[in-house]
Protein backbone atom coordinates (compact mmCIF):
# COMPACT_ATOMS: atom_id res chain seq x y z
CA MET A 1 -17.12 61.78 124.25
CA THR A 2 -19.88 62.21 126.79
CA THR A 3 -23.17 60.31 126.60
CA TYR A 4 -26.32 62.42 126.87
CA THR A 5 -29.91 61.25 127.20
CA ILE A 6 -32.50 63.68 125.88
CA CYS A 7 -36.12 63.18 126.96
CA VAL A 8 -38.68 64.93 124.77
CA PHE A 9 -42.38 65.08 125.71
CA THR A 10 -44.70 65.79 122.79
CA SER A 11 -48.28 65.62 121.71
CA ASN A 12 -48.79 62.44 119.69
CA THR A 13 -48.65 63.81 116.13
CA ILE A 14 -47.94 62.28 112.71
CA GLY A 15 -44.58 63.33 111.24
CA LEU A 16 -43.13 64.60 114.50
CA LEU A 17 -40.42 61.93 114.65
CA ASN A 18 -39.04 63.16 111.32
CA ARG A 19 -39.05 66.80 112.45
CA ILE A 20 -37.15 65.94 115.62
CA THR A 21 -34.56 63.67 113.98
CA ILE A 22 -33.86 66.15 111.17
CA ILE A 23 -32.50 68.55 113.82
CA PHE A 24 -29.84 65.95 114.68
CA THR A 25 -29.08 65.34 110.99
CA ARG A 26 -28.58 69.05 110.28
CA ARG A 27 -26.12 69.27 113.18
CA ARG A 28 -24.38 66.04 112.06
CA ILE A 29 -25.08 64.33 115.40
CA ASN A 30 -25.61 60.58 115.31
CA ILE A 31 -28.48 59.15 117.35
CA GLU A 32 -27.13 56.14 119.25
CA SER A 33 -30.53 55.04 120.56
CA LEU A 34 -34.12 56.19 120.08
CA THR A 35 -37.17 54.97 121.96
CA VAL A 36 -40.67 56.41 121.60
CA SER A 37 -43.69 55.48 123.67
CA GLU A 38 -46.81 56.91 125.22
CA THR A 39 -46.60 58.25 128.75
CA GLU A 40 -49.10 57.79 131.56
CA ARG A 41 -50.96 60.81 130.15
CA THR A 42 -53.22 60.13 127.18
CA GLY A 43 -51.95 61.69 123.94
CA VAL A 44 -48.49 62.53 125.32
CA SER A 45 -45.50 60.69 123.84
CA ARG A 46 -42.00 60.48 125.24
CA PHE A 47 -38.92 60.31 123.03
CA THR A 48 -35.79 59.02 124.78
CA ILE A 49 -32.80 59.86 122.59
CA VAL A 50 -29.20 58.91 123.36
CA ILE A 51 -26.30 60.75 121.72
CA LYS A 52 -22.55 61.01 122.27
CA HIS A 53 -20.94 64.42 121.89
CA GLU A 54 -17.86 66.34 123.04
CA SER A 55 -19.54 69.69 123.59
CA ARG A 56 -22.16 70.30 126.26
CA GLU A 57 -22.86 73.71 124.66
CA GLU A 58 -23.76 72.04 121.36
CA VAL A 59 -26.11 69.63 123.16
CA GLU A 60 -27.77 72.56 124.94
CA LYS A 61 -28.25 74.31 121.57
CA LEU A 62 -29.80 71.10 120.25
CA VAL A 63 -32.23 70.96 123.19
CA ARG A 64 -33.21 74.62 122.62
CA GLN A 65 -33.82 73.88 118.92
CA ILE A 66 -36.08 70.91 119.78
CA ARG A 67 -38.07 73.12 122.18
CA LYS A 68 -39.03 75.37 119.24
CA ILE A 69 -41.16 72.63 117.64
CA VAL A 70 -44.80 73.48 118.32
CA GLU A 71 -45.89 69.98 119.42
CA VAL A 72 -43.01 69.66 121.89
CA LEU A 73 -44.29 70.11 125.44
CA ALA A 74 -40.97 69.77 127.30
CA VAL A 75 -37.35 68.72 126.71
CA PHE A 76 -34.80 67.58 129.29
CA GLY A 77 -31.12 66.70 128.78
CA TYR A 78 -29.31 64.38 131.19
CA LEU A 79 -25.94 62.85 131.88
CA ASN A 80 -25.88 59.15 132.83
CA ASP A 81 -25.52 59.84 136.57
CA GLU A 82 -28.71 61.94 136.57
CA ILE A 83 -31.03 59.14 135.42
CA VAL A 84 -31.95 55.51 136.00
CA PHE A 85 -31.85 53.68 132.68
CA ASN A 86 -32.00 50.23 131.13
CA GLU A 87 -32.25 48.41 127.84
CA ILE A 88 -33.66 45.03 126.93
CA ALA A 89 -32.13 42.47 124.59
CA LEU A 90 -33.48 39.24 123.14
CA PHE A 91 -31.17 36.42 122.05
CA LYS A 92 -32.37 33.52 119.93
CA LEU A 93 -30.02 30.53 120.37
CA SER A 94 -29.89 27.27 118.48
CA THR A 95 -30.32 24.21 120.71
CA PRO A 96 -30.01 21.25 118.34
CA LEU A 97 -30.03 17.65 119.55
CA GLY A 98 -26.48 16.66 120.43
CA GLY A 99 -25.36 20.29 120.69
CA PRO A 100 -23.79 21.86 123.76
CA PRO A 101 -26.26 21.99 126.66
CA LEU A 102 -27.50 25.40 127.71
CA ASP A 103 -26.24 26.39 131.17
CA VAL A 104 -29.50 27.92 132.42
CA GLU A 105 -28.22 28.24 135.99
CA THR A 106 -25.31 30.48 134.92
CA ILE A 107 -27.60 32.45 132.62
CA ASN A 108 -30.06 33.08 135.47
CA LYS A 109 -27.74 33.55 138.45
CA GLN A 110 -24.63 35.15 136.99
CA PHE A 111 -26.13 37.18 134.14
CA LYS A 112 -29.66 37.78 135.50
CA ALA A 113 -31.16 36.70 132.16
CA TRP A 114 -34.22 34.52 131.58
CA VAL A 115 -35.38 31.97 129.04
CA VAL A 116 -38.68 33.40 127.83
CA TYR A 117 -39.40 30.82 125.12
CA TRP A 118 -38.21 27.27 124.70
CA GLY A 119 -38.82 25.80 121.24
CA LEU A 120 -37.85 22.36 119.93
CA ASP A 121 -34.52 23.47 118.45
CA TYR A 122 -34.02 27.00 119.81
CA VAL A 123 -34.56 29.18 122.88
CA VAL A 124 -35.18 32.90 123.31
CA ILE A 125 -33.41 34.57 126.24
CA GLU A 126 -34.23 38.01 127.63
CA LYS A 127 -31.57 40.18 129.27
CA THR A 128 -32.11 43.64 130.72
CA GLY A 129 -29.35 45.99 131.79
CA ASN A 130 -27.04 48.64 130.49
CA GLU A 131 -25.11 48.37 127.24
CA GLN A 132 -22.00 46.91 128.90
CA GLU A 133 -23.99 44.19 130.73
CA ILE A 134 -25.83 43.21 127.56
CA PHE A 135 -22.63 42.92 125.53
CA ALA A 136 -20.87 41.00 128.30
CA PHE A 137 -23.75 38.50 128.13
CA PHE A 138 -23.46 38.51 124.33
CA GLU A 139 -19.78 37.51 124.67
CA TYR A 140 -20.75 34.66 127.03
CA LEU A 141 -23.36 33.39 124.55
CA ARG A 142 -20.84 33.24 121.68
CA GLN A 143 -20.09 29.67 122.76
CA TYR A 144 -23.55 28.81 121.40
CA GLU A 145 -24.95 29.47 117.95
CA ILE A 146 -26.68 32.86 118.12
CA LEU A 147 -29.44 32.84 115.50
CA GLU A 148 -30.72 36.32 116.23
CA PHE A 149 -29.95 39.27 118.51
CA VAL A 150 -31.99 42.43 119.00
CA ARG A 151 -31.52 45.24 121.50
CA SER A 152 -33.99 47.97 122.39
CA GLY A 153 -33.25 51.61 122.83
CA ARG A 154 -32.70 53.08 126.26
CA VAL A 155 -35.60 53.74 128.58
CA ALA A 156 -34.91 56.18 131.38
CA VAL A 157 -36.44 58.08 134.28
CA GLY A 158 -34.89 61.05 136.02
CA LYS A 159 -33.53 60.87 139.54
CA THR A 160 -35.92 63.59 140.68
CA GLU A 161 -38.60 63.49 143.34
CA LYS A 162 -41.31 64.28 140.81
CA GLY A 163 -42.01 62.51 137.56
CA LEU A 164 -40.96 64.40 134.46
CA VAL A 165 -44.56 64.71 133.30
CA GLU A 166 -45.12 66.96 136.34
CA TYR A 167 -43.11 69.60 134.47
CA LEU A 168 -45.46 69.60 131.49
CA PRO A 169 -47.61 72.67 130.84
CA GLU A 170 -50.75 72.98 132.94
CA ALA A 171 -53.76 71.34 131.28
CA GLU A 172 -56.57 68.90 131.95
CA TRP A 173 -54.77 65.64 131.27
CA ALA A 174 -56.50 62.31 130.87
CA TYR A 175 -54.70 59.40 132.51
CA TYR A 176 -54.70 55.73 131.62
CA LEU A 177 -56.50 53.59 134.13
């Protein structure tokens, strides 16, 4: 199966998430990752959706179907080599008195992860990277007691000279300062 990242630019509207995800449900395509946030243009949201599928033609049909939604301003489909992408994960580890000491040097230098909170009996570690890097770090941390683990969806930007918002329809856009 091939991994595809679909970037959807929309006006920020109530109920739009449901209308976009129902297209995937109808086609029986599982969403592996979904991230939604505002862009640098006021009122414009960006959906970053990751799917795995065998057929490029089916993915192209999906993209065309998403384009038909009125509030959708633009849709782009990418393979992994066409984008720069990352995820973030947070790990909450138990650090009880008398427990195994946390090897912060290995965590920082080898895994490029950082302790972002140090409590009395636990720490929270942040790791950014791709899915394989995050799960390799997860495997390393199994020697400790993992109290909690959460991973974000993918965030991505295209490997193009212009930003993707440059392809949005012409309009008077307000920008965040």
